[in-house]
Protein backbone atom coordinates (compact mmCIF):
# COMPACT_ATOMS: atom_id res chain seq x y z
CA ARG A 1 0.00 0.00 0.00
CA SER A 2 1.36 3.39 -0.92
CA VAL A 3 0.02 6.61 0.53
CA VAL A 4 0.89 10.11 -0.63
CA VAL A 5 1.61 12.43 2.27
CA GLY A 6 -1.27 14.73 1.42
CA THR A 7 -3.85 11.92 1.38
CA PRO A 8 -6.77 12.62 3.77
CA ILE A 9 -6.62 10.46 6.88
CA ASN A 10 -9.93 8.73 6.11
CA GLN A 11 -8.59 7.47 2.77
CA LEU A 12 -5.72 5.41 4.16
CA SER A 13 -7.92 2.35 4.56
CA THR A 14 -11.64 2.27 5.19
CA THR A 15 -11.27 -1.18 6.71
CA GLU A 16 -8.16 -0.66 8.82
CA LEU A 17 -8.05 2.97 9.89
CA ASN A 18 -11.70 4.03 9.99
CA ASP A 19 -14.51 2.95 12.24
CA SER A 20 -16.87 0.99 9.99
CA SER A 21 -19.80 3.04 11.24
CA ASN A 22 -18.20 6.34 10.30
CA ASN A 23 -16.02 6.77 7.22
CA ASN A 24 -15.02 10.22 8.44
CA SER A 25 -13.78 9.02 11.81
CA ASN A 26 -11.24 11.29 13.48
CA MET A 27 -8.59 10.85 16.13
CA GLU A 28 -11.10 10.95 18.96
CA SER A 29 -12.91 7.90 17.57
CA GLN A 30 -9.57 6.13 17.09
CA PHE A 31 -8.76 6.83 20.73
CA GLN A 32 -12.02 5.16 21.77
CA LEU A 33 -11.42 1.99 19.75
CA PRO A 34 -10.94 -1.30 21.62
CA SER A 35 -7.38 -2.52 22.02
CA SER A 36 -7.73 -5.17 19.31
CA ARG A 37 -8.79 -2.51 16.83
CA LYS A 38 -5.92 -0.23 17.84
CA ILE A 39 -3.47 -3.07 17.19
CA THR A 40 -4.91 -3.44 13.69
CA VAL A 41 -4.45 0.28 13.08
CA ALA A 42 -0.86 0.23 14.38
CA ASN A 43 0.00 -2.75 12.17
CA ALA A 44 -1.53 -1.06 9.14
CA LEU A 45 0.58 2.03 9.70
CA ARG A 46 3.77 -0.02 10.04
CA LYS A 47 3.10 -1.68 6.69
CA THR A 48 2.06 1.47 4.85
CA LYS A 49 4.44 2.87 2.25
CA PHE A 50 4.34 6.65 2.50
CA SER A 51 5.30 8.83 -0.44
CA LEU A 52 7.11 12.11 0.13
CA VAL A 53 5.72 15.42 -1.04
CA PRO A 54 6.95 15.80 -4.65
CA SER A 55 10.01 18.01 -5.10
CA SER A 56 8.05 19.93 -7.74
CA HIS A 57 5.80 21.29 -4.99
CA TRP A 58 8.73 22.72 -3.04
CA LEU A 59 10.37 24.05 -6.21
CA SER A 60 7.15 25.86 -7.08
CA LEU A 61 7.48 27.69 -3.77
CA GLY A 62 10.99 28.83 -4.67
CA TYR A 63 12.87 26.54 -2.27
CA ASP A 64 16.39 25.54 -3.29
CA ILE A 65 17.57 21.95 -3.60
CA GLU A 66 19.49 22.00 -0.32
CA TYR A 67 16.41 23.04 1.66
CA ILE A 68 14.27 20.49 -0.19
CA ARG A 69 16.67 17.77 0.97
CA VAL A 70 16.22 19.00 4.55
CA LEU A 71 12.44 18.80 4.11
CA GLU A 72 12.75 15.26 2.77
CA ARG A 73 14.83 14.17 5.75
CA PHE A 74 12.25 15.73 8.07
CA GLN A 75 9.46 13.77 6.35
CA HIS A 76 11.47 10.57 6.80
CA SER A 77 11.75 11.37 10.52
CA LEU A 78 7.99 11.73 10.77
CA ILE A 79 7.42 8.49 8.87
CA ASP A 80 9.87 6.64 11.11
CA CYS A 81 8.01 7.87 14.20
CA ILE A 82 4.67 6.84 12.65
CA ARG A 83 5.85 3.30 12.04
CA ARG A 84 7.73 2.89 15.29
CA PRO A 85 6.63 5.29 18.06
CA ARG A 86 9.48 5.65 20.53
CA ARG A 87 10.20 7.11 23.94
CA ASN A 88 12.49 9.86 22.65
CA VAL A 89 10.84 11.73 19.77
CA GLN A 90 13.12 14.18 17.95
CA LEU A 91 11.51 16.26 15.19
CA GLN A 92 13.89 18.88 13.87
CA PRO A 93 15.84 19.73 10.70
CA VAL A 94 19.03 17.71 10.35
CA ASP A 95 21.90 17.41 7.89
CA GLU A 96 22.89 14.26 6.00
CA GLY A 97 24.71 12.97 9.07
CA GLY A 98 21.67 13.42 11.30
CA ASN A 99 23.07 16.49 13.06
CA TRP A 100 20.71 19.28 14.10
CA LEU A 101 20.73 22.30 11.76
CA PHE A 102 20.66 25.33 14.05
CA GLY A 103 19.92 28.00 11.46
CA VAL A 104 17.21 26.18 9.48
CA GLN A 105 13.47 26.05 10.19
CA ILE A 106 10.94 23.61 8.76
CA LEU A 107 8.16 25.86 7.47
CA HIS A 108 4.57 24.71 7.82
CA ASP A 109 2.91 23.47 4.65
CA SER A 110 -0.54 21.94 4.18
CA GLN A 111 1.07 19.09 2.24
CA LEU A 112 2.66 17.89 5.47
CA MET A 113 -0.63 17.69 7.38
CA GLY A 114 -1.15 14.08 6.35
CA LEU A 115 2.01 12.97 8.12
CA TRP A 116 1.21 14.99 11.25
CA LYS A 117 -2.22 13.33 11.40
CA TYR A 118 -0.76 9.87 10.90
CA LEU A 119 1.74 10.54 13.69
CA ALA A 120 -1.08 11.48 16.06
CA ILE A 121 -3.03 8.35 15.15
CA ALA A 122 0.08 6.19 15.50
CA ILE A 123 0.53 7.41 19.07
CA LEU A 124 -3.16 6.95 19.86
CA SER A 125 -3.20 3.44 18.45
CA ARG A 126 -0.54 2.24 20.86
CA ASP A 127 -1.74 1.76 24.44
CA ASP A 128 1.87 1.00 25.41
CA CYS A 129 3.30 4.10 23.68
CA TYR A 130 4.89 6.13 26.45
CA ILE A 131 7.05 9.10 25.49
CA ASP A 132 9.73 10.42 27.81
CA THR A 133 10.83 13.36 25.63
CA LEU A 134 9.15 15.23 22.79
CA ASN A 135 11.51 17.62 21.04
CA ILE A 136 10.08 19.81 18.26
CA THR A 137 12.74 22.40 17.48
CA ASN A 138 13.08 24.73 14.49
CA VAL A 139 9.72 23.52 13.18
CA GLN A 140 6.94 26.00 12.47
CA LEU A 141 3.87 24.69 14.28
CA ASP A 142 0.40 25.36 12.92
CA ALA A 143 -2.59 25.48 15.29
CA THR A 144 -4.13 22.43 13.59
CA VAL A 145 -0.94 20.41 14.06
CA MET A 146 -0.76 21.33 17.74
CA GLY A 147 -4.41 20.38 18.22
CA LYS A 148 -3.87 16.91 16.76
CA LEU A 149 -0.72 16.31 18.79
CA ALA A 150 -2.24 17.54 22.06
CA GLU A 151 -5.06 15.02 21.76
CA SER A 152 -2.68 12.15 21.06
CA LEU A 153 -0.27 12.99 23.87
CA LYS A 154 -2.74 12.60 26.71
CA GLN A 155 -1.44 10.41 29.54
CA ARG A 156 1.73 9.30 27.75
CA ASN A 157 3.91 9.73 30.84
CA LEU A 158 5.75 12.56 29.11
CA LYS A 159 8.53 14.01 31.23
CA LYS A 160 10.20 16.58 28.98
CA LEU A 161 8.63 18.85 26.36
CA ILE A 162 10.92 20.91 24.12
CA LEU A 163 9.38 23.54 21.87
CA GLY A 164 12.01 25.70 20.19
CA ASN A 165 11.69 28.35 17.48
CA ASN A 166 8.21 27.25 16.44
CA SER A 167 6.79 30.60 15.24
CA PHE A 168 3.44 29.89 16.83
CA GLY A 169 1.17 32.92 16.78
CA GLY A 170 -0.41 34.56 19.81
CA GLY A 171 -0.86 32.17 22.70
CA GLU A 172 -1.43 29.01 20.64
CA GLY A 173 1.92 27.46 21.52
CA LEU A 174 1.53 28.17 25.23
CA LEU A 175 -1.95 26.65 25.21
CA PHE A 176 -0.57 23.60 23.44
CA ALA A 177 2.11 23.21 26.12
CA ALA A 178 -0.52 23.64 28.83
CA ASP A 179 -2.81 21.03 27.27
CA VAL A 180 0.00 18.51 26.97
CA MET A 181 1.36 19.09 30.47
CA ARG A 182 -2.08 18.96 32.10
CA GLU A 183 -2.44 15.35 30.97
CA ASN A 184 1.10 14.34 31.95
CA VAL A 185 1.47 15.01 35.66
CA ASN A 186 4.99 13.56 35.85
CA MET A 187 6.44 16.35 33.71
CA LYS A 188 9.81 17.54 34.90
CA SER A 189 11.02 19.92 32.20
CA LEU A 190 9.66 22.48 29.74
CA GLU A 191 11.70 24.37 27.15
CA LEU A 192 10.22 27.21 25.11
CA HIS A 193 13.42 28.73 23.76
CA PHE A 194 13.45 31.12 20.78
CA ASN A 195 9.70 31.70 21.00
CA ILE A 196 7.59 34.80 21.63
CA ILE A 197 5.67 34.76 24.91
CA ASP A 198 3.40 37.80 24.84
CA ASP A 199 -0.13 36.51 25.44
CA LEU A 200 -1.10 37.01 29.08
CA ASP A 201 -4.22 34.83 29.10
CA ALA A 202 -2.35 31.88 27.56
CA THR A 203 0.56 32.43 29.96
CA LEU A 204 -1.79 32.35 32.94
CA ARG A 205 -3.25 29.07 31.66
CA LEU A 206 0.21 27.57 31.37
CA ALA A 207 1.21 28.91 34.79
CA GLU A 208 -1.87 27.32 36.34
CA VAL A 209 -0.87 23.95 34.91
CA LEU A 210 2.77 24.33 35.98
CA GLY A 211 1.67 25.10 39.52
CA GLY A 212 -0.19 21.80 39.68
CA ILE A 213 2.73 19.59 38.68
CA PRO A 214 4.37 18.42 41.91
CA HIS A 215 7.84 17.44 40.67
CA PHE A 216 8.43 20.00 37.93
CA GLU A 217 12.15 20.89 37.95
CA SER A 218 13.29 22.89 34.92
CA LEU A 219 11.94 25.85 32.91
CA ASN A 220 14.04 27.00 29.95
CA LEU A 221 13.08 30.39 28.47
CA ARG A 222 16.36 31.31 26.80
CA TYR A 223 16.09 33.68 23.85
CA CYS A 224 12.38 34.15 24.51
CA GLU A 225 10.81 37.52 23.85
CA PHE A 226 8.34 38.54 26.54
CA GLY A 227 5.58 41.06 26.04
CA ASN A 228 5.39 44.39 27.85
CA ASP A 229 3.11 43.10 30.60
CA PRO A 230 5.26 42.18 33.65
CA LEU A 231 2.57 39.70 34.72
CA ILE A 232 3.72 37.40 31.92
CA LEU A 233 7.08 36.75 33.54
CA SER A 234 5.85 36.94 37.13
CA SER A 235 3.04 34.43 36.53
CA LEU A 236 5.48 31.89 35.10
CA ALA A 237 8.00 32.43 37.89
CA SER A 238 5.44 32.26 40.70
CA ALA A 239 4.03 28.98 39.33
CA CYS A 240 7.36 27.17 39.55
CA ASN A 241 7.55 26.58 43.28
CA SER A 242 9.66 23.42 43.03
CA VAL A 243 11.83 24.32 40.03
CA LYS A 244 15.57 23.70 40.35
CA PHE A 245 16.72 25.29 37.10
CA LEU A 246 15.51 28.50 35.45
CA ASP A 247 17.10 29.77 32.25
CA VAL A 248 16.41 33.33 31.06
CA ARG A 249 19.52 33.84 28.94
CA ASN A 250 19.31 36.33 26.09
CA THR A 251 15.76 37.40 26.91
CA ASN A 252 14.37 40.93 26.89
CA VAL A 253 13.99 40.96 30.67
CA GLY A 254 14.52 44.54 31.82
CA SER A 255 14.82 46.18 35.24
CA GLN A 256 11.16 45.44 36.01
CA GLY A 257 11.73 41.80 35.13
CA ALA A 258 14.85 41.80 37.28
CA THR A 259 12.74 42.79 40.27
CA ILE A 260 10.36 39.92 39.56
CA LEU A 261 13.19 37.42 39.23
CA ALA A 262 14.85 38.63 42.41
CA GLN A 263 11.63 38.19 44.35
CA TYR A 264 11.24 34.73 42.85
CA VAL A 265 14.80 33.70 43.78
CA ALA A 266 14.34 34.97 47.32
CA SER A 267 11.08 33.08 47.76
CA ASN A 268 12.50 29.76 46.53
CA PRO A 269 15.78 29.35 48.44
CA SER A 270 15.35 25.65 49.14
CA SER A 271 14.45 24.38 45.66
CA LEU A 272 16.17 26.68 43.16
CA GLU A 273 19.70 25.55 42.38
CA THR A 274 20.54 27.50 39.21
CA ILE A 275 19.22 30.59 37.48
CA ASN A 276 21.03 31.37 34.24
CA THR A 277 21.02 35.09 33.38
CA MET A 278 24.00 35.05 31.03
CA SER A 279 23.85 37.63 28.22
CA LEU A 280 21.23 39.77 29.91
CA THR A 281 22.31 43.38 29.78
CA MET A 282 24.76 44.41 32.48
CA ARG A 283 22.21 46.92 33.77
CA THR A 284 19.58 44.22 34.15
CA ARG A 285 21.98 41.83 35.88
CA CYS A 286 23.08 44.55 38.30
CA SER A 287 19.43 45.37 38.94
CA LEU A 288 18.74 41.71 39.63
CA GLN A 289 21.61 41.51 42.13
CA MET A 290 20.51 44.72 43.82
CA HIS A 291 16.86 43.70 44.17
CA TYR A 292 17.87 40.25 45.34
CA ALA A 293 20.07 41.78 48.06
CA GLN A 294 17.17 43.99 49.18
CA THR A 295 14.78 41.04 49.41
CA LYS A 296 17.26 39.22 51.69
CA ILE A 297 17.54 42.12 54.14
């Protein structure tokens, strides 16, 4: 069986992937299938031969050959995860040797939606599919993609979520992180590096979830750009009562943010082991030290 990446999910196999009572069954109905049916779905996905998006599509968008090769390797990574869900999921642009490409981002394209949907169904179809780490870095995440993944990642015993340079708009990415973490109470680490965090309502939702995770240890916000509302940073900091490591390197934290961080450090002397402020402006770092000294008086 050969399936083109852009094929709608309900066309993969009406006998193996769809509920016989509903030819337009979605991921929610797959999640509710009995275990024997899920096994059938998982086996069908392992045997399916996926076709990559044709190079002509990428060329029509003006992409050069080198970037098209990166996109092809990324599609192979998705297909590999669909066929064999694993505990450590790494979805990021890589070179021919499998090394992460720091300066390259996988742009969202509707032609890739088929693979994202199959990945979500592959996870849902495996009752024994537990994921320790999900790393999606330098990949532009569309709201639809995040919605599919959030549903599939419920109760997967996820411990580390890495979202880096995803270009998600507004608070969509923060809400995605909140949805995933709410259903995985053993989470220990969240990374949101190289993303914009400027939606207060979404930040408060995420902070509420973080505050309810008993053994959460690490929050990485390096290179994040915060909005002008100081409540964005303070809500995240105040939610991390048990965190051991906080990274705010190369962020736009100013003197007001320094006050917030100093108060946070002073209020968490027993749990916090490291706060990384490297590459903040000298003025901000001095302000942080000054406010921290005042809170200890």
